[in-house]
C-alpha atoms as a PDB file:
ATOM      1  CA  MET A   1     113.699  99.851 138.806  1.00  0.00           C
ATOM      2  CA  PRO A   2     115.885 101.678 136.217  1.00  0.00           C
ATOM      3  CA  PRO A   3     116.036 100.454 132.630  1.00  0.00           C
ATOM      4  CA  GLU A   4     118.585  97.766 131.949  1.00  0.00           C
ATOM      5  CA  PRO A   5     121.557  99.171 129.986  1.00  0.00           C
ATOM      6  CA  ASP A   6     122.612  97.717 126.690  1.00  0.00           C
ATOM      7  CA  THR A   7     125.609  95.438 127.227  1.00  0.00           C
ATOM      8  CA  ASN A   8     126.433  94.584 123.605  1.00  0.00           C
ATOM      9  CA  PRO A   9     129.724  96.331 122.692  1.00  0.00           C
ATOM     10  CA  HIS A  10     129.057  95.816 118.971  1.00  0.00           C
ATOM     11  CA  PRO A  11     125.336  96.342 118.375  1.00  0.00           C
ATOM     12  CA  ARG A  12     123.816  95.573 115.032  1.00  0.00           C
ATOM     13  CA  LYS A  13     122.697  98.394 112.767  1.00  0.00           C
ATOM     14  CA  ILE A  14     119.167  97.804 111.522  1.00  0.00           C
ATOM     15  CA  ILE A  15     117.011  99.981 109.263  1.00  0.00           C
ATOM     16  CA  HIS A  16     113.281  99.558 108.814  1.00  0.00           C
ATOM     17  CA  ILE A  17     111.964 101.197 105.640  1.00  0.00           C
ATOM     18  CA  ASP A  18     108.229 101.829 105.328  1.00  0.00           C
ATOM     19  CA  MET A  19     106.778 103.501 102.257  1.00  0.00           C
ATOM     20  CA  ASP A  20     104.284 106.194 103.222  1.00  0.00           C
ATOM     21  CA  ALA A  21     100.714 105.257 102.146  1.00  0.00           C
ATOM     22  CA  PHE A  22     102.345 103.266  99.352  1.00  0.00           C
ATOM     23  CA  TYR A  23      99.445 102.210  97.104  1.00  0.00           C
ATOM     24  CA  ALA A  24      97.616 105.512  97.507  1.00  0.00           C
ATOM     25  CA  SER A  25     100.811 107.505  96.966  1.00  0.00           C
ATOM     26  CA  VAL A  26     101.487 105.644  93.711  1.00  0.00           C
ATOM     27  CA  GLU A  27      97.990 106.515  92.488  1.00  0.00           C
ATOM     28  CA  GLN A  28      98.432 110.172  93.459  1.00  0.00           C
ATOM     29  CA  ARG A  29     101.808 110.250  91.751  1.00  0.00           C
ATOM     30  CA  ASP A  30     100.405 108.817  88.519  1.00  0.00           C
ATOM     31  CA  ASP A  31      97.204 110.898  88.483  1.00  0.00           C
ATOM     32  CA  PRO A  32      97.786 114.554  89.401  1.00  0.00           C
ATOM     33  CA  ALA A  33      94.019 115.025  89.813  1.00  0.00           C
ATOM     34  CA  LEU A  34      94.193 112.840  92.942  1.00  0.00           C
ATOM     35  CA  ARG A  35      96.881 114.855  94.694  1.00  0.00           C
ATOM     36  CA  GLY A  36      95.731 116.533  97.861  1.00  0.00           C
ATOM     37  CA  ARG A  37      92.470 114.576  97.837  1.00  0.00           C
ATOM     38  CA  PRO A  38      91.337 111.755 100.148  1.00  0.00           C
ATOM     39  CA  VAL A  39      92.044 108.554  98.203  1.00  0.00           C
ATOM     40  CA  ALA A  40      91.263 104.937  99.011  1.00  0.00           C
ATOM     41  CA  VAL A  41      92.691 102.083  96.989  1.00  0.00           C
ATOM     42  CA  GLY A  42      90.185  99.253  96.906  1.00  0.00           C
ATOM     43  CA  GLY A  43      86.656  98.357  95.927  1.00  0.00           C
ATOM     44  CA  SER A  44      83.941 100.979  96.267  1.00  0.00           C
ATOM     45  CA  ARG A  45      81.123  98.445  96.244  1.00  0.00           C
ATOM     46  CA  GLU A  46      79.141  97.497  99.316  1.00  0.00           C
ATOM     47  CA  ARG A  47      81.322  94.443  99.890  1.00  0.00           C
ATOM     48  CA  GLY A  48      84.543  96.297  99.091  1.00  0.00           C
ATOM     49  CA  VAL A  49      87.452  96.799 101.469  1.00  0.00           C
ATOM     50  CA  VAL A  50      90.037  99.591 101.670  1.00  0.00           C
ATOM     51  CA  ALA A  51      93.490  98.253 100.779  1.00  0.00           C
ATOM     52  CA  ALA A  52      95.246 101.565 101.454  1.00  0.00           C
ATOM     53  CA  ALA A  53      94.330 105.140 102.282  1.00  0.00           C
ATOM     54  CA  SER A  54      96.092 108.415 101.568  1.00  0.00           C
ATOM     55  CA  TYR A  55      97.008 110.651 104.480  1.00  0.00           C
ATOM     56  CA  GLU A  56      94.252 113.034 103.420  1.00  0.00           C
ATOM     57  CA  ALA A  57      91.794 110.160 103.938  1.00  0.00           C
ATOM     58  CA  ARG A  58      93.348 109.083 107.229  1.00  0.00           C
ATOM     59  CA  VAL A  59      92.437 112.454 108.717  1.00  0.00           C
ATOM     60  CA  PHE A  60      88.824 111.239 108.552  1.00  0.00           C
ATOM     61  CA  GLY A  61      89.656 107.927 110.202  1.00  0.00           C
ATOM     62  CA  VAL A  62      89.826 105.905 106.980  1.00  0.00           C
ATOM     63  CA  ARG A  63      92.193 102.957 107.400  1.00  0.00           C
ATOM     64  CA  SER A  64      93.279  99.874 105.490  1.00  0.00           C
ATOM     65  CA  ALA A  65      91.098  96.771 105.954  1.00  0.00           C
ATOM     66  CA  MET A  66      88.095  99.007 106.668  1.00  0.00           C
ATOM     67  CA  PRO A  67      84.850  98.157 104.835  1.00  0.00           C
ATOM     68  CA  SER A  68      84.334 100.585 101.976  1.00  0.00           C
ATOM     69  CA  VAL A  69      80.856 101.547 103.181  1.00  0.00           C
ATOM     70  CA  THR A  70      82.326 102.604 106.530  1.00  0.00           C
ATOM     71  CA  ALA A  71      85.097 104.559 104.818  1.00  0.00           C
ATOM     72  CA  ARG A  72      82.569 106.357 102.606  1.00  0.00           C
ATOM     73  CA  ARG A  73      80.471 107.182 105.661  1.00  0.00           C
ATOM     74  CA  ARG A  74      83.465 108.715 107.420  1.00  0.00           C
ATOM     75  CA  CYS A  75      84.628 110.619 104.353  1.00  0.00           C
ATOM     76  CA  PRO A  76      81.852 111.391 101.810  1.00  0.00           C
ATOM     77  CA  ASP A  77      84.399 112.929  99.398  1.00  0.00           C
ATOM     78  CA  LEU A  78      86.573 109.815  99.383  1.00  0.00           C
ATOM     79  CA  VAL A  79      87.831 108.859  95.916  1.00  0.00           C
ATOM     80  CA  PHE A  80      88.083 105.110  95.312  1.00  0.00           C
ATOM     81  CA  VAL A  81      90.737 103.811  92.925  1.00  0.00           C
ATOM     82  CA  LYS A  82      91.045 100.220  91.748  1.00  0.00           C
ATOM     83  CA  PRO A  83      94.314  98.629  92.854  1.00  0.00           C
ATOM     84  CA  ARG A  84      97.043  98.019  90.278  1.00  0.00           C
ATOM     85  CA  PHE A  85      99.140  95.384  91.982  1.00  0.00           C
ATOM     86  CA  GLU A  86     101.348  94.783  88.962  1.00  0.00           C
ATOM     87  CA  VAL A  87     102.417  98.446  89.172  1.00  0.00           C
ATOM     88  CA  TYR A  88     103.000  98.276  92.926  1.00  0.00           C
ATOM     89  CA  ARG A  89     105.081  95.115  92.527  1.00  0.00           C
ATOM     90  CA  ALA A  90     107.232  96.707  89.821  1.00  0.00           C
ATOM     91  CA  ILE A  91     107.903  99.769  91.983  1.00  0.00           C
ATOM     92  CA  SER A  92     108.638  97.539  94.967  1.00  0.00           C
ATOM     93  CA  GLU A  93     111.286  95.712  92.922  1.00  0.00           C
ATOM     94  CA  GLU A  94     112.813  99.055  91.980  1.00  0.00           C
ATOM     95  CA  ILE A  95     112.963 100.049  95.645  1.00  0.00           C
ATOM     96  CA  ARG A  96     114.513  96.727  96.628  1.00  0.00           C
ATOM     97  CA  ALA A  97     117.189  97.276  94.003  1.00  0.00           C
ATOM     98  CA  ILE A  98     118.082 100.486  95.860  1.00  0.00           C
ATOM     99  CA  PHE A  99     118.348  98.513  99.105  1.00  0.00           C
ATOM    100  CA  ALA A 100     120.667  96.041  97.394  1.00  0.00           C
ATOM    101  CA  GLU A 101     123.083  98.853  96.577  1.00  0.00           C
ATOM    102  CA  HIS A 102     123.723  99.183 100.317  1.00  0.00           C
ATOM    103  CA  THR A 103     123.369  95.661 101.771  1.00  0.00           C
ATOM    104  CA  ALA A 104     122.677  92.082 100.773  1.00  0.00           C
ATOM    105  CA  ILE A 105     120.846  91.402 104.045  1.00  0.00           C
ATOM    106  CA  ILE A 106     117.295  92.450 103.158  1.00  0.00           C
ATOM    107  CA  GLU A 107     114.126  91.018 104.682  1.00  0.00           C
ATOM    108  CA  PRO A 108     111.023  92.126 102.756  1.00  0.00           C
ATOM    109  CA  VAL A 109     107.917  92.184 104.932  1.00  0.00           C
ATOM    110  CA  ALA A 110     105.508  93.409 102.253  1.00  0.00           C
ATOM    111  CA  LEU A 111     105.676  95.313  98.973  1.00  0.00           C
ATOM    112  CA  ASP A 112     106.053  98.552 100.933  1.00  0.00           C
ATOM    113  CA  GLU A 113     108.153  97.473 103.904  1.00  0.00           C
ATOM    114  CA  ALA A 114     111.513  95.841 104.641  1.00  0.00           C
ATOM    115  CA  TYR A 115     114.232  95.391 107.246  1.00  0.00           C
ATOM    116  CA  LEU A 116     117.874  95.925 106.307  1.00  0.00           C
ATOM    117  CA  ASP A 117     120.958  94.902 108.275  1.00  0.00           C
ATOM    118  CA  VAL A 118     123.580  97.544 107.498  1.00  0.00           C
ATOM    119  CA  THR A 119     126.052  96.640 110.246  1.00  0.00           C
ATOM    120  CA  GLU A 120     128.409  96.528 107.281  1.00  0.00           C
ATOM    121  CA  ASN A 121     127.210  98.570 104.312  1.00  0.00           C
ATOM    122  CA  LEU A 122     128.382  98.201 100.739  1.00  0.00           C
ATOM    123  CA  GLN A 123     128.891 101.922 100.133  1.00  0.00           C
ATOM    124  CA  GLY A 124     131.197 102.446 103.094  1.00  0.00           C
ATOM    125  CA  LEU A 125     128.967 105.139 104.580  1.00  0.00           C
ATOM    126  CA  PRO A 126     129.933 106.223 108.099  1.00  0.00           C
ATOM    127  CA  SER A 127     126.690 105.309 109.882  1.00  0.00           C
ATOM    128  CA  ALA A 128     123.373 103.526 109.548  1.00  0.00           C
ATOM    129  CA  THR A 129     121.712 106.934 109.671  1.00  0.00           C
ATOM    130  CA  ALA A 130     123.706 107.999 106.619  1.00  0.00           C
ATOM    131  CA  VAL A 131     122.628 104.813 104.828  1.00  0.00           C
ATOM    132  CA  ALA A 132     118.968 105.449 105.659  1.00  0.00           C
ATOM    133  CA  ARG A 133     119.265 109.024 104.460  1.00  0.00           C
ATOM    134  CA  ALA A 134     120.837 107.904 101.168  1.00  0.00           C
ATOM    135  CA  ILE A 135     118.152 105.260 100.608  1.00  0.00           C
ATOM    136  CA  ARG A 136     115.309 107.708 101.228  1.00  0.00           C
ATOM    137  CA  ALA A 137     116.858 110.209  98.819  1.00  0.00           C
ATOM    138  CA  ALA A 138     117.329 107.566  96.116  1.00  0.00           C
ATOM    139  CA  ILE A 139     113.736 106.324  96.468  1.00  0.00           C
ATOM    140  CA  LEU A 140     112.408 109.854  96.105  1.00  0.00           C
ATOM    141  CA  GLU A 141     114.655 110.616  93.135  1.00  0.00           C
ATOM    142  CA  ARG A 142     113.954 107.398  91.221  1.00  0.00           C
ATOM    143  CA  THR A 143     110.299 106.781  92.035  1.00  0.00           C
ATOM    144  CA  GLY A 144     108.926 110.123  93.176  1.00  0.00           C
ATOM    145  CA  LEU A 145     107.689 108.436  96.363  1.00  0.00           C
ATOM    146  CA  VAL A 146     108.393 109.131 100.024  1.00  0.00           C
ATOM    147  CA  ALA A 147     109.681 106.574 102.511  1.00  0.00           C
ATOM    148  CA  SER A 148     110.008 106.762 106.267  1.00  0.00           C
ATOM    149  CA  ALA A 149     112.959 105.070 107.947  1.00  0.00           C
ATOM    150  CA  GLY A 150     113.718 103.886 111.455  1.00  0.00           C
ATOM    151  CA  VAL A 151     117.274 103.169 112.551  1.00  0.00           C
ATOM    152  CA  SER A 152     118.195 101.202 115.644  1.00  0.00           C
ATOM    153  CA  TYR A 153     120.141  98.256 117.014  1.00  0.00           C
ATOM    154  CA  ASN A 154     117.341  95.707 116.631  1.00  0.00           C
ATOM    155  CA  LYS A 155     114.268  95.008 114.508  1.00  0.00           C
ATOM    156  CA  PHE A 156     111.681  95.887 117.133  1.00  0.00           C
ATOM    157  CA  LEU A 157     113.071  99.365 117.764  1.00  0.00           C
ATOM    158  CA  ALA A 158     113.768 100.017 114.077  1.00  0.00           C
ATOM    159  CA  LYS A 159     110.086  99.320 113.372  1.00  0.00           C
ATOM    160  CA  VAL A 160     108.997 101.590 116.229  1.00  0.00           C
ATOM    161  CA  ALA A 161     111.350 104.301 114.986  1.00  0.00           C
ATOM    162  CA  SER A 162     110.058 104.253 111.406  1.00  0.00           C
ATOM    163  CA  ASP A 163     106.531 104.810 112.669  1.00  0.00           C
ATOM    164  CA  HIS A 164     107.443 107.430 115.270  1.00  0.00           C
ATOM    165  CA  ARG A 165     107.141 110.570 113.144  1.00  0.00           C
ATOM    166  CA  LYS A 166     105.518 109.390 109.905  1.00  0.00           C
ATOM    167  CA  PRO A 167     105.097 110.479 107.190  1.00  0.00           C
ATOM    168  CA  ASP A 168     108.384 111.509 105.550  1.00  0.00           C
ATOM    169  CA  ALA A 169     110.460 110.802 108.648  1.00  0.00           C
ATOM    170  CA  LEU A 170     113.862 109.509 109.662  1.00  0.00           C
ATOM    171  CA  PHE A 171     114.179 108.654 113.345  1.00  0.00           C
ATOM    172  CA  VAL A 172     117.031 107.001 115.226  1.00  0.00           C
ATOM    173  CA  ILE A 173     116.894 105.062 118.503  1.00  0.00           C
ATOM    174  CA  THR A 174     120.428 104.509 119.799  1.00  0.00           C
ATOM    175  CA  PRO A 175     121.464 101.756 122.234  1.00  0.00           C
ATOM    176  CA  ALA A 176     121.645 104.361 124.991  1.00  0.00           C
ATOM    177  CA  MET A 177     118.077 105.490 124.236  1.00  0.00           C
ATOM    178  CA  GLY A 178     116.443 102.104 123.694  1.00  0.00           C
ATOM    179  CA  PRO A 179     115.303 100.872 127.133  1.00  0.00           C
ATOM    180  CA  SER A 180     114.087 104.278 128.328  1.00  0.00           C
ATOM    181  CA  PHE A 181     112.376 104.978 124.984  1.00  0.00           C
ATOM    182  CA  VAL A 182     110.401 101.747 125.274  1.00  0.00           C
ATOM    183  CA  GLU A 183     109.253 102.752 128.766  1.00  0.00           C
ATOM    184  CA  THR A 184     107.192 105.621 127.393  1.00  0.00           C
ATOM    185  CA  LEU A 185     105.546 103.678 124.558  1.00  0.00           C
ATOM    186  CA  SER A 186     101.843 103.011 124.705  1.00  0.00           C
ATOM    187  CA  ILE A 187     101.310  99.265 124.659  1.00  0.00           C
ATOM    188  CA  GLY A 188      99.297  99.643 121.441  1.00  0.00           C
ATOM    189  CA  ARG A 189     102.451 100.788 119.651  1.00  0.00           C
ATOM    190  CA  PHE A 190     104.335  97.569 120.388  1.00  0.00           C
ATOM    191  CA  HIS A 191     104.842  95.644 117.148  1.00  0.00           C
ATOM    192  CA  GLY A 192     103.437  92.188 117.774  1.00  0.00           C
ATOM    193  CA  VAL A 193     100.714  93.361 120.149  1.00  0.00           C
ATOM    194  CA  GLY A 194      97.448  93.213 118.209  1.00  0.00           C
ATOM    195  CA  PRO A 195      94.086  94.658 119.252  1.00  0.00           C
ATOM    196  CA  VAL A 196      93.008  91.537 121.170  1.00  0.00           C
ATOM    197  CA  THR A 197      96.284  91.264 123.086  1.00  0.00           C
ATOM    198  CA  GLU A 198      96.283  95.008 123.712  1.00  0.00           C
ATOM    199  CA  ALA A 199      92.830  94.776 125.289  1.00  0.00           C
ATOM    200  CA  ARG A 200      93.972  91.878 127.480  1.00  0.00           C
ATOM    201  CA  MET A 201      97.059  93.799 128.583  1.00  0.00           C
ATOM    202  CA  ARG A 202      95.084  96.910 129.423  1.00  0.00           C
ATOM    203  CA  ALA A 203      92.657  94.799 131.442  1.00  0.00           C
ATOM    204  CA  LEU A 204      95.698  93.692 133.482  1.00  0.00           C
ATOM    205  CA  GLY A 205      96.777  97.302 134.002  1.00  0.00           C
ATOM    206  CA  ILE A 206      99.548  97.197 131.396  1.00  0.00           C
ATOM    207  CA  GLU A 207      99.308 100.531 129.602  1.00  0.00           C
ATOM    208  CA  THR A 208     102.931 101.341 128.723  1.00  0.00           C
ATOM    209  CA  GLY A 209     106.293  99.730 128.152  1.00  0.00           C
ATOM    210  CA  ARG A 210     107.200 100.508 131.738  1.00  0.00           C
ATOM    211  CA  ASP A 211     104.140  98.636 132.987  1.00  0.00           C
ATOM    212  CA  LEU A 212     105.073  95.674 130.804  1.00  0.00           C
ATOM    213  CA  ARG A 213     108.699  95.666 131.982  1.00  0.00           C
ATOM    214  CA  GLU A 214     107.605  95.546 135.618  1.00  0.00           C
ATOM    215  CA  ARG A 215     105.703  92.274 135.136  1.00  0.00           C
ATOM    216  CA  PRO A 216     107.751  89.114 135.764  1.00  0.00           C
ATOM    217  CA  LEU A 217     108.122  86.588 132.974  1.00  0.00           C
ATOM    218  CA  GLU A 218     106.157  84.005 134.942  1.00  0.00           C
ATOM    219  CA  GLU A 219     103.111  86.288 135.142  1.00  0.00           C
ATOM    220  CA  LEU A 220     103.291  87.155 131.450  1.00  0.00           C
ATOM    221  CA  THR A 221     103.606  83.477 130.543  1.00  0.00           C
ATOM    222  CA  ALA A 222     100.497  82.662 132.547  1.00  0.00           C
ATOM    223  CA  HIS A 223      98.513  85.183 130.497  1.00  0.00           C
ATOM    224  CA  PHE A 224     100.192  85.135 127.071  1.00  0.00           C
ATOM    225  CA  GLY A 225     101.854  81.745 126.721  1.00  0.00           C
ATOM    226  CA  SER A 226     104.780  81.397 124.338  1.00  0.00           C
ATOM    227  CA  ALA A 227     104.580  85.076 123.269  1.00  0.00           C
ATOM    228  CA  ALA A 228     105.495  86.155 126.810  1.00  0.00           C
ATOM    229  CA  ALA A 229     109.260  85.805 126.261  1.00  0.00           C
ATOM    230  CA  TYR A 230     109.076  88.219 123.323  1.00  0.00           C
ATOM    231  CA  TYR A 231     107.047  90.780 125.304  1.00  0.00           C
ATOM    232  CA  HIS A 232     109.394  90.441 128.280  1.00  0.00           C
ATOM    233  CA  ALA A 233     112.446  91.083 126.078  1.00  0.00           C
ATOM    234  CA  VAL A 234     111.204  93.985 123.957  1.00  0.00           C
ATOM    235  CA  ALA A 235     109.941  95.771 127.072  1.00  0.00           C
ATOM    236  CA  ARG A 236     113.640  96.005 127.914  1.00  0.00           C
ATOM    237  CA  GLY A 237     114.644  97.109 124.425  1.00  0.00           C
ATOM    238  CA  ILE A 238     115.970  93.627 123.595  1.00  0.00           C
ATOM    239  CA  ASP A 239     115.233  91.804 120.338  1.00  0.00           C
ATOM    240  CA  GLU A 240     117.671  89.176 119.122  1.00  0.00           C
ATOM    241  CA  ARG A 241     115.834  88.288 115.912  1.00  0.00           C
ATOM    242  CA  PRO A 242     118.171  88.538 112.913  1.00  0.00           C
ATOM    243  CA  VAL A 243     117.282  90.175 109.627  1.00  0.00           C
ATOM    244  CA  ARG A 244     116.597  87.149 107.438  1.00  0.00           C
ATOM    245  CA  ALA A 245     117.671  87.656 103.858  1.00  0.00           C
ATOM    246  CA  HIS A 246     115.769  84.611 102.605  1.00  0.00           C
ATOM    247  CA  ARG A 247     112.502  84.219 104.434  1.00  0.00           C
ATOM    248  CA  VAL A 248     110.733  80.903 103.858  1.00  0.00           C
ATOM    249  CA  ARG A 249     107.294  81.477 102.447  1.00  0.00           C
ATOM    250  CA  LYS A 250     104.783  79.432 104.441  1.00  0.00           C
ATOM    251  CA  SER A 251     101.821  79.510 102.084  1.00  0.00           C
ATOM    252  CA  ILE A 252     100.361  80.885  98.868  1.00  0.00           C
ATOM    253  CA  GLY A 253      96.713  81.861  98.793  1.00  0.00           C
ATOM    254  CA  ALA A 254      93.987  83.889  97.139  1.00  0.00           C
ATOM    255  CA  GLU A 255      90.369  84.666  97.872  1.00  0.00           C
ATOM    256  CA  THR A 256      87.423  86.647  96.585  1.00  0.00           C
ATOM    257  CA  THR A 257      84.375  88.270  98.177  1.00  0.00           C
ATOM    258  CA  PHE A 258      81.109  87.870  96.271  1.00  0.00           C
ATOM    259  CA  GLY A 259      78.742  90.605  95.219  1.00  0.00           C
ATOM    260  CA  ASP A 260      75.900  88.212  96.058  1.00  0.00           C
ATOM    261  CA  ASP A 261      75.917  85.337  98.547  1.00  0.00           C
ATOM    262  CA  THR A 262      75.406  81.802  97.328  1.00  0.00           C
ATOM    263  CA  ALA A 263      75.183  78.260  98.678  1.00  0.00           C
ATOM    264  CA  ASP A 264      75.006  76.659  95.231  1.00  0.00           C
ATOM    265  CA  ARG A 265      77.831  74.187  94.665  1.00  0.00           C
ATOM    266  CA  THR A 266      77.995  74.812  90.914  1.00  0.00           C
ATOM    267  CA  VAL A 267      78.260  78.575  91.390  1.00  0.00           C
ATOM    268  CA  LEU A 268      80.878  78.165  94.124  1.00  0.00           C
ATOM    269  CA  ALA A 269      82.941  75.896  91.858  1.00  0.00           C
ATOM    270  CA  GLU A 270      82.768  78.497  89.080  1.00  0.00           C
ATOM    271  CA  ARG A 271      83.943  81.221  91.450  1.00  0.00           C
ATOM    272  CA  LEU A 272      86.716  78.979  92.749  1.00  0.00           C
ATOM    273  CA  ALA A 273      88.193  78.377  89.276  1.00  0.00           C
ATOM    274  CA  PRO A 274      89.988  81.739  88.875  1.00  0.00           C
ATOM    275  CA  ILE A 275      91.301  81.444  92.431  1.00  0.00           C
ATOM    276  CA  ILE A 276      92.813  78.070  91.579  1.00  0.00           C
ATOM    277  CA  ASP A 277      94.446  79.756  88.580  1.00  0.00           C
ATOM    278  CA  ARG A 278      95.908  82.527  90.751  1.00  0.00           C
ATOM    279  CA  VAL A 279      97.283  80.147  93.368  1.00  0.00           C
ATOM    280  CA  TRP A 280      98.822  77.838  90.789  1.00  0.00           C
ATOM    281  CA  GLN A 281     100.333  80.708  88.789  1.00  0.00           C
ATOM    282  CA  ALA A 282     101.873  82.127  91.976  1.00  0.00           C
ATOM    283  CA  SER A 283     103.273  78.693  92.804  1.00  0.00           C
ATOM    284  CA  VAL A 284     104.865  78.427  89.368  1.00  0.00           C
ATOM    285  CA  ALA A 285     106.184  81.999  89.443  1.00  0.00           C
ATOM    286  CA  LYS A 286     107.847  81.451  92.826  1.00  0.00           C
ATOM    287  CA  GLY A 287     109.200  78.027  91.886  1.00  0.00           C
ATOM    288  CA  VAL A 288     107.520  76.209  94.761  1.00  0.00           C
ATOM    289  CA  ARG A 289     105.067  73.354  95.195  1.00  0.00           C
ATOM    290  CA  GLY A 290     102.865  72.505  98.166  1.00  0.00           C
ATOM    291  CA  ARG A 291     101.525  69.427  99.919  1.00  0.00           C
ATOM    292  CA  THR A 292      98.559  70.922 101.795  1.00  0.00           C
ATOM    293  CA  VAL A 293      95.478  72.495 100.245  1.00  0.00           C
ATOM    294  CA  THR A 294      93.111  74.558 102.415  1.00  0.00           C
ATOM    295  CA  LEU A 295      89.673  75.802 101.347  1.00  0.00           C
ATOM    296  CA  LYS A 296      88.153  78.753 103.188  1.00  0.00           C
ATOM    297  CA  LEU A 297      84.517  79.817 103.132  1.00  0.00           C
ATOM    298  CA  LYS A 298      83.131  82.858 104.931  1.00  0.00           C
ATOM    299  CA  LEU A 299      79.407  82.527 105.438  1.00  0.00           C
ATOM    300  CA  SER A 300      76.780  85.254 105.365  1.00  0.00           C
ATOM    301  CA  ASP A 301      76.912  85.506 109.171  1.00  0.00           C
ATOM    302  CA  PHE A 302      80.714  86.052 108.892  1.00  0.00           C
ATOM    303  CA  THR A 303      81.613  82.687 110.428  1.00  0.00           C
ATOM    304  CA  LEU A 304      84.567  80.942 108.819  1.00  0.00           C
ATOM    305  CA  MET A 305      84.687  77.367 107.563  1.00  0.00           C
ATOM    306  CA  THR A 306      87.938  75.691 106.551  1.00  0.00           C
ATOM    307  CA  ARG A 307      88.652  72.306 105.061  1.00  0.00           C
ATOM    308  CA  ALA A 308      92.205  71.045 104.509  1.00  0.00           C
ATOM    309  CA  ARG A 309      93.958  67.925 103.239  1.00  0.00           C
ATOM    310  CA  SER A 310      97.620  67.030 102.968  1.00  0.00           C
ATOM    311  CA  GLY A 311      99.244  64.563 100.610  1.00  0.00           C
ATOM    312  CA  PRO A 312     102.513  62.630 100.914  1.00  0.00           C
ATOM    313  CA  ALA A 313     103.955  64.448  97.893  1.00  0.00           C
ATOM    314  CA  PRO A 314     103.627  67.973  96.490  1.00  0.00           C
ATOM    315  CA  ILE A 315     100.917  68.738  93.951  1.00  0.00           C
ATOM    316  CA  GLY A 316     102.536  68.776  90.537  1.00  0.00           C
ATOM    317  CA  ASP A 317     100.092  70.588  88.247  1.00  0.00           C
ATOM    318  CA  ARG A 318      97.025  72.784  88.130  1.00  0.00           C
ATOM    319  CA  SER A 319      94.627  69.915  87.524  1.00  0.00           C
ATOM    320  CA  GLY A 320      95.830  68.254  90.707  1.00  0.00           C
ATOM    321  CA  LEU A 321      95.203  71.445  92.629  1.00  0.00           C
ATOM    322  CA  GLU A 322      91.746  71.757  91.070  1.00  0.00           C
ATOM    323  CA  ARG A 323      90.811  68.184  91.997  1.00  0.00           C
ATOM    324  CA  ALA A 324      91.918  68.727  95.579  1.00  0.00           C
ATOM    325  CA  ALA A 325      90.065  72.048  95.843  1.00  0.00           C
ATOM    326  CA  LEU A 326      86.811  70.647  94.469  1.00  0.00           C
ATOM    327  CA  ALA A 327      87.049  67.628  96.762  1.00  0.00           C
ATOM    328  CA  LEU A 328      87.281  69.984  99.723  1.00  0.00           C
ATOM    329  CA  LEU A 329      84.311  71.972  98.423  1.00  0.00           C
ATOM    330  CA  ASP A 330      82.284  68.767  98.170  1.00  0.00           C
ATOM    331  CA  GLU A 331      83.291  67.931 101.720  1.00  0.00           C
ATOM    332  CA  ALA A 332      81.971  71.290 102.936  1.00  0.00           C
ATOM    333  CA  MET A 333      78.607  70.889 101.215  1.00  0.00           C
ATOM    334  CA  PRO A 334      75.810  71.417 101.950  1.00  0.00           C
ATOM    335  CA  LEU A 335      76.374  74.817 103.561  1.00  0.00           C
ATOM    336  CA  ARG A 336      74.186  75.792 106.491  1.00  0.00           C
ATOM    337  CA  ARG A 337      74.189  79.377 105.174  1.00  0.00           C
ATOM    338  CA  SER A 338      75.112  81.087 101.931  1.00  0.00           C
ATOM    339  CA  ALA A 339      78.764  82.006 101.441  1.00  0.00           C
ATOM    340  CA  ARG A 340      80.034  85.540 100.892  1.00  0.00           C
ATOM    341  CA  LEU A 341      83.720  84.671 100.335  1.00  0.00           C
ATOM    342  CA  ILE A 342      85.744  81.741  99.073  1.00  0.00           C
ATOM    343  CA  GLY A 343      89.495  81.286  99.285  1.00  0.00           C
ATOM    344  CA  LEU A 344      92.173  78.694  98.627  1.00  0.00           C
ATOM    345  CA  SER A 345      95.721  78.305  99.911  1.00  0.00           C
ATOM    346  CA  LEU A 346      98.641  75.992  99.288  1.00  0.00           C
ATOM    347  CA  SER A 347     101.087  75.293 102.129  1.00  0.00           C
ATOM    348  CA  GLY A 348     103.782  72.835 103.106  1.00  0.00           C
ATOM    349  CA  LEU A 349     105.862  74.519 100.416  1.00  0.00           C
ATOM    350  CA  GLY A 350     109.142  73.351  98.961  1.00  0.00           C
ATOM    351  CA  GLU A 351     111.232  74.216  95.928  1.00  0.00           C
ATOM    352  CA  ALA A 352     109.769  72.865  92.706  1.00  0.00           C
ATOM    353  CA  ASP A 353     113.029  71.158  91.708  1.00  0.00           C
ATOM    354  CA  ALA A 354     113.106  69.368  95.054  1.00  0.00           C
ATOM    355  CA  ALA A 355     109.455  68.384  94.962  1.00  0.00           C
ATOM    356  CA  GLY A 356     110.099  64.933  93.523  1.00  0.00           C
ATOM    357  CA  PRO A 357     108.041  63.356  90.750  1.00  0.00           C
ATOM    358  CA  VAL A 358     105.063  65.199  89.373  1.00  0.00           C
ATOM    359  CA  GLN A 359     101.848  64.317  91.176  1.00  0.00           C
ATOM    360  CA  LEU A 360      98.715  64.459  89.078  1.00  0.00           C
ATOM    361  CA  GLY A 361      96.462  64.644  92.115  1.00  0.00           C
ATOM    362  CA  LEU A 362      96.472  65.020  95.854  1.00  0.00           C
ATOM    363  CA  GLU A 363      96.681  61.642  97.536  1.00  0.00           C
ATOM    364  CA  ILE A 364      94.691  61.618 100.763  1.00  0.00           C
END
């Protein structure tokens, strides 16, 4: 069955910008001694995790979210650098200011990644490709950093395009190319198909976009539930999701991994205190308040425990958040094993001005 042609006479023009090895590239930019060397941003301790890896490190198989001990094993010459998130955030704001020169429709995905709808661009440039080229040049000139860009008529294909020839790439997937381009994609390159889903698809004989397109929606629904409609559409090069200029943040959270495991309630409460500070400060900085508090504990055998409570009104101050967090900790005690990680999140968010009267505690 041939690919289905695009029938939209006025397709959107979407750009996906992805900074190349962002954290590691910032560190190499700021420290010339790191240039050309395998660099990992993250903790070098036994319990550390790689937050980002330079392309020199990726040659050895070092990837983000990899335990530091594994990364060191794969690349003995790996240089670990402590993250400087305040620097990364400042650079990200500078990059977003460049985006804003071309469009007001910007959907940040992370500090190093964003979608832009440039169907109408503010500079009057003749094409989305020209906009992407101008943005990449401005980022390099103003920050000294390299960005890859994907240009297409929807978000899915723009994301695929930005990753197609990284690093330092600009790739375009036109409406005429889209359906046939998707046919050749390995299923592991589909945005939204994680490792678990990929394994399930391969077990069903779905190896490529063509294989996925040949499966009826009913069959996909039986195996993948509500996600099936998305898979069915993108296998045909179709993605109707708009670029959302104001994404609603669903939660604010923070966590820490311990150097030594503990099951002691007093010690856990002490280690929870700075996390409460971080969550509350982020809530204040973003002008939001939340109704639901969730405590997370990862035990020494890597099993996860969560405890959550919701109140009828948003939490109004740090002491209220602390009381709720400690109540959840008490609820989790005693632990059947020592904990190696503790985390806290605040969800059910709303604007602080719309949160109603200040609540001094979380009513259960």
